[in-house]
């Protein structure tokens, strides 16, 4: 199947601070709409350095946070007090201020292996209402998103649009620690799917990924392509230099 590279709405900003304010407001609006309509909302966020300012801005937004559940797109198989933990990042910068009343669902769990931890994480994620209301993705300079790493040990399963798995373990050369990641269907079916990237290099990588139509077998070479190939709604790209 060839991807529809028009399945994107692009929002460019002159500087990251302007992007953060606009995006925080957009996410807050979507969460509030979901709470009004259904009584609850689910937000899945990514780790890394790019979202820190966004998390801090979002934590100050007027949202009915007690009706919001926050979880992670992916996680390193490290304890939540580890500096490389995405959970620690979210707790330190997002679950603060007005957002301190939100519920948090962790992907990490104490276990002998990431594979065992993925089973218990899947049970927690499976219990959340779907589709998720908002998913915020990032992207690495190698074209990975979530923990969809080229050459990853469970990449085929994670990118299978028909998989019934919701969380899979992942090991890859560029990943460092073993990872836990939500699968493609969980992410791609979100009501609001956002790709937040900053810098000219990442924009060039993304433009290379979407430069032409590609077949499903090409997705493993640059896994971010899978998001655009299977997103239920147009991907909202937010970019600043």
Protein backbone atom coordinates (compact mmCIF):
# COMPACT_ATOMS: atom_id res chain seq x y z
CA UNK A 1 0.00 0.00 0.00
CA UNK A 2 1.29 3.47 -0.82
CA UNK A 3 1.11 6.13 1.84
CA UNK A 4 -0.93 9.29 1.42
CA UNK A 5 1.68 11.97 2.00
CA UNK A 6 -1.10 14.57 2.07
CA UNK A 7 -2.23 13.07 5.39
CA UNK A 8 -0.56 15.95 7.24
CA UNK A 9 -1.40 19.46 8.39
CA UNK A 10 1.71 21.53 8.97
CA UNK A 11 2.11 24.28 11.56
CA UNK A 12 5.42 26.16 11.32
CA UNK A 13 6.62 28.68 13.90
CA UNK A 14 9.46 31.16 13.93
CA UNK A 15 10.63 30.07 17.37
CA UNK A 16 9.97 27.22 19.82
CA UNK A 17 8.35 29.45 22.44
CA UNK A 18 5.55 30.40 20.07
CA UNK A 19 5.07 26.77 19.07
CA UNK A 20 4.85 25.66 22.70
CA UNK A 21 2.15 28.18 23.60
CA UNK A 22 0.02 27.35 20.56
CA UNK A 23 0.42 23.60 20.93
CA UNK A 24 -0.30 23.61 24.66
CA UNK A 25 -3.53 25.47 23.97
CA UNK A 26 -4.50 23.08 21.18
CA UNK A 27 -3.94 20.03 23.38
CA UNK A 28 -5.85 21.60 26.27
CA UNK A 29 -8.81 22.37 24.01
CA UNK A 30 -8.93 18.79 22.74
CA UNK A 31 -8.76 17.37 26.27
CA UNK A 32 -11.53 19.64 27.49
CA UNK A 33 -13.74 18.73 24.54
CA UNK A 34 -13.24 15.05 25.31
CA UNK A 35 -14.04 15.53 29.00
CA UNK A 36 -17.20 17.44 28.11
CA UNK A 37 -18.30 14.79 25.61
CA UNK A 38 -17.30 11.61 27.45
CA UNK A 39 -16.42 12.54 31.01
CA UNK A 40 -12.76 11.64 30.60
CA UNK A 41 -9.74 12.11 28.32
CA UNK A 42 -6.50 10.25 27.64
CA UNK A 43 -3.22 11.93 26.66
CA UNK A 44 -0.10 9.98 25.61
CA UNK A 45 3.19 11.86 25.49
CA UNK A 46 6.75 11.19 24.40
CA UNK A 47 10.06 11.65 26.15
CA UNK A 48 13.31 13.30 25.10
CA UNK A 49 14.43 16.89 25.45
CA UNK A 50 12.09 18.49 22.90
CA UNK A 51 8.84 18.29 24.93
CA UNK A 52 10.10 19.75 28.22
CA UNK A 53 8.93 23.30 27.55
CA UNK A 54 5.68 21.97 26.11
CA UNK A 55 5.06 19.93 29.26
CA UNK A 56 5.64 22.97 31.45
CA UNK A 57 3.29 25.13 29.39
CA UNK A 58 0.66 22.41 29.26
CA UNK A 59 0.79 21.95 33.03
CA UNK A 60 -0.49 25.54 33.40
CA UNK A 61 -3.46 25.14 31.08
CA UNK A 62 -7.03 25.24 32.36
CA UNK A 63 -8.08 21.64 31.85
CA UNK A 64 -10.35 19.47 33.99
CA UNK A 65 -7.23 17.53 34.88
CA UNK A 66 -8.87 15.24 37.44
CA UNK A 67 -10.75 13.70 34.48
CA UNK A 68 -7.56 13.24 32.42
CA UNK A 69 -5.29 10.20 32.30
CA UNK A 70 -1.73 10.72 31.09
CA UNK A 71 0.44 7.89 29.84
CA UNK A 72 3.56 7.45 27.72
CA UNK A 73 4.10 6.63 24.07
CA UNK A 74 7.19 4.66 25.03
CA UNK A 75 9.55 4.10 27.93
CA UNK A 76 13.04 2.90 28.69
CA UNK A 77 13.20 -0.19 30.89
CA UNK A 78 14.60 1.78 33.83
CA UNK A 79 13.15 2.66 37.23
CA UNK A 80 11.03 5.84 37.41
CA UNK A 81 13.69 7.64 39.47
CA UNK A 82 16.32 7.10 36.76
CA UNK A 83 17.33 10.28 34.92
CA UNK A 84 16.65 8.54 31.58
CA UNK A 85 13.11 7.59 32.55
CA UNK A 86 10.35 9.16 30.47
CA UNK A 87 8.03 8.75 33.45
CA UNK A 88 10.39 10.89 35.55
CA UNK A 89 10.41 13.52 32.80
CA UNK A 90 6.61 13.60 32.70
CA UNK A 91 6.26 13.73 36.48
CA UNK A 92 8.88 16.47 36.84
CA UNK A 93 7.59 18.74 34.07
CA UNK A 94 3.98 17.82 33.17
CA UNK A 95 2.26 16.44 36.26
CA UNK A 96 2.86 19.72 38.06
CA UNK A 97 0.92 22.93 38.71
CA UNK A 98 -2.67 22.62 37.44
CA UNK A 99 -1.94 19.22 35.87
CA UNK A 100 -0.92 17.70 39.21
CA UNK A 101 -4.46 16.36 39.55
CA UNK A 102 -4.22 14.18 36.45
CA UNK A 103 -3.97 10.41 36.71
CA UNK A 104 -0.80 8.75 35.43
CA UNK A 105 -0.47 5.26 33.95
CA UNK A 106 3.08 3.98 33.81
CA UNK A 107 4.59 1.69 31.22
CA UNK A 108 7.45 0.63 33.48
CA UNK A 109 6.98 -2.09 36.05
CA UNK A 110 9.53 -3.95 38.16
CA UNK A 111 10.24 -7.19 36.35
CA UNK A 112 13.18 -9.36 35.35
CA UNK A 113 12.90 -8.40 31.69
CA UNK A 114 11.27 -5.79 29.49
CA UNK A 115 9.19 -8.57 27.92
CA UNK A 116 7.60 -9.39 31.28
CA UNK A 117 7.10 -5.70 32.04
CA UNK A 118 5.37 -5.27 28.66
CA UNK A 119 2.69 -7.79 29.63
CA UNK A 120 1.70 -5.92 32.79
CA UNK A 121 1.94 -2.58 30.98
CA UNK A 122 -0.35 -3.91 28.26
CA UNK A 123 -2.96 -4.75 30.88
CA UNK A 124 -2.90 -1.17 32.16
CA UNK A 125 -3.03 0.36 28.69
CA UNK A 126 -5.74 -2.05 27.57
CA UNK A 127 -7.95 -0.77 30.39
CA UNK A 128 -7.82 2.83 29.11
CA UNK A 129 -10.60 4.17 26.85
CA UNK A 130 -9.69 4.19 23.17
CA UNK A 131 -9.09 5.80 20.83
CA UNK A 132 -6.81 8.08 22.82
CA UNK A 133 -7.85 11.71 22.64
CA UNK A 134 -4.36 13.15 22.11
CA UNK A 135 -1.04 11.51 21.22
CA UNK A 136 2.11 13.63 21.02
CA UNK A 137 4.98 12.02 19.14
CA UNK A 138 8.56 13.09 18.62
CA UNK A 139 11.10 11.89 16.08
CA UNK A 140 14.78 11.06 16.18
CA UNK A 141 17.37 12.09 13.63
CA UNK A 142 17.29 8.52 12.32
CA UNK A 143 13.57 8.70 11.51
CA UNK A 144 12.31 6.66 14.46
CA UNK A 145 9.25 7.64 16.47
CA UNK A 146 7.96 6.09 19.69
CA UNK A 147 10.42 3.17 20.10
CA UNK A 148 10.00 2.13 16.49
CA UNK A 149 13.73 1.75 15.78
CA UNK A 150 15.08 0.52 12.48
CA UNK A 151 16.24 -3.04 13.06
CA UNK A 152 14.29 -3.29 16.30
CA UNK A 153 13.73 -6.75 17.73
CA UNK A 154 9.92 -6.48 17.58
CA UNK A 155 9.57 -3.79 14.94
CA UNK A 156 7.42 -5.85 12.58
CA UNK A 157 4.93 -6.54 15.34
CA UNK A 158 4.93 -2.95 16.60
CA UNK A 159 4.26 -1.59 13.10
CA UNK A 160 1.64 -4.17 12.13
CA UNK A 161 -1.59 -2.18 11.63
CA UNK A 162 -3.57 -5.33 12.47
CA UNK A 163 -1.70 -6.30 15.64
CA UNK A 164 -3.80 -6.86 18.73
CA UNK A 165 -0.84 -6.09 20.97
CA UNK A 166 -0.92 -2.69 22.66
CA UNK A 167 2.56 -2.69 24.25
CA UNK A 168 5.62 -4.54 23.00
CA UNK A 169 9.23 -4.69 24.22
CA UNK A 170 11.88 -3.38 21.86
CA UNK A 171 15.63 -3.75 21.65
CA UNK A 172 17.68 -1.99 18.99
CA UNK A 173 21.20 -0.78 18.43
CA UNK A 174 20.20 2.88 18.64
CA UNK A 175 17.85 2.50 21.59
CA UNK A 176 20.28 2.15 24.48
CA UNK A 177 18.28 0.34 27.14
CA UNK A 178 15.53 -2.12 26.27
CA UNK A 179 12.29 -0.24 25.64
CA UNK A 180 8.55 -0.59 25.99
CA UNK A 181 6.45 0.98 23.27
CA UNK A 182 2.81 1.41 22.39
CA UNK A 183 2.03 -0.20 19.04
CA UNK A 184 1.08 1.52 15.80
CA UNK A 185 -2.71 1.00 16.01
CA UNK A 186 -2.89 2.53 19.49
CA UNK A 187 -1.03 5.63 18.30
CA UNK A 188 -2.39 5.97 14.76
CA UNK A 189 -6.04 5.83 15.83
CA UNK A 190 -5.78 8.85 18.14
CA UNK A 191 -8.38 11.57 17.66
CA UNK A 192 -5.59 14.18 17.65
CA UNK A 193 -2.18 12.89 16.53
CA UNK A 194 0.66 15.39 16.83
CA UNK A 195 4.25 15.16 15.63
CA UNK A 196 6.32 17.77 17.46
CA UNK A 197 9.83 18.31 16.10
CA UNK A 198 12.33 21.16 16.28
CA UNK A 199 15.42 22.01 14.27
CA UNK A 200 16.36 22.05 10.61
CA UNK A 201 17.96 18.61 10.75
CA UNK A 202 14.81 16.84 11.93
CA UNK A 203 12.71 18.70 9.40
CA UNK A 204 15.06 17.51 6.64
CA UNK A 205 14.78 13.93 7.89
CA UNK A 206 10.99 14.12 7.90
CA UNK A 207 10.86 15.68 4.44
CA UNK A 208 13.12 12.88 3.17
CA UNK A 209 10.78 10.32 4.74
CA UNK A 210 7.75 11.84 3.02
CA UNK A 211 9.41 12.90 -0.22
CA UNK A 212 7.63 10.29 -2.32
CA UNK A 213 5.16 7.45 -2.13
CA UNK A 214 6.53 4.33 -0.52
CA UNK A 215 5.37 0.80 0.02
CA UNK A 216 4.81 -0.90 3.36
CA UNK A 217 8.05 -2.83 3.00
CA UNK A 218 9.94 0.48 2.94
CA UNK A 219 8.54 1.63 6.29
CA UNK A 220 11.08 -0.30 8.36
CA UNK A 221 13.85 1.84 6.88
CA UNK A 222 12.32 5.00 8.36
CA UNK A 223 9.59 3.98 10.80
CA UNK A 224 8.06 7.45 11.20
CA UNK A 225 6.53 6.77 7.77
CA UNK A 226 4.17 4.28 9.40
CA UNK A 227 2.41 7.06 11.29
CA UNK A 228 1.56 8.89 8.08
CA UNK A 229 0.61 5.69 6.28
CA UNK A 230 -1.92 4.62 8.90
CA UNK A 231 -3.06 7.69 10.86
CA UNK A 232 -6.84 7.80 11.19
CA UNK A 233 -6.82 11.60 11.00
CA UNK A 234 -4.32 14.00 9.40
CA UNK A 235 -1.10 14.17 11.42
CA UNK A 236 -0.62 17.62 12.93
CA UNK A 237 3.02 18.57 12.39
CA UNK A 238 4.33 21.27 14.72
CA UNK A 239 7.81 22.51 13.82
CA UNK A 240 10.10 25.35 14.84
CA UNK A 241 13.78 25.93 14.06
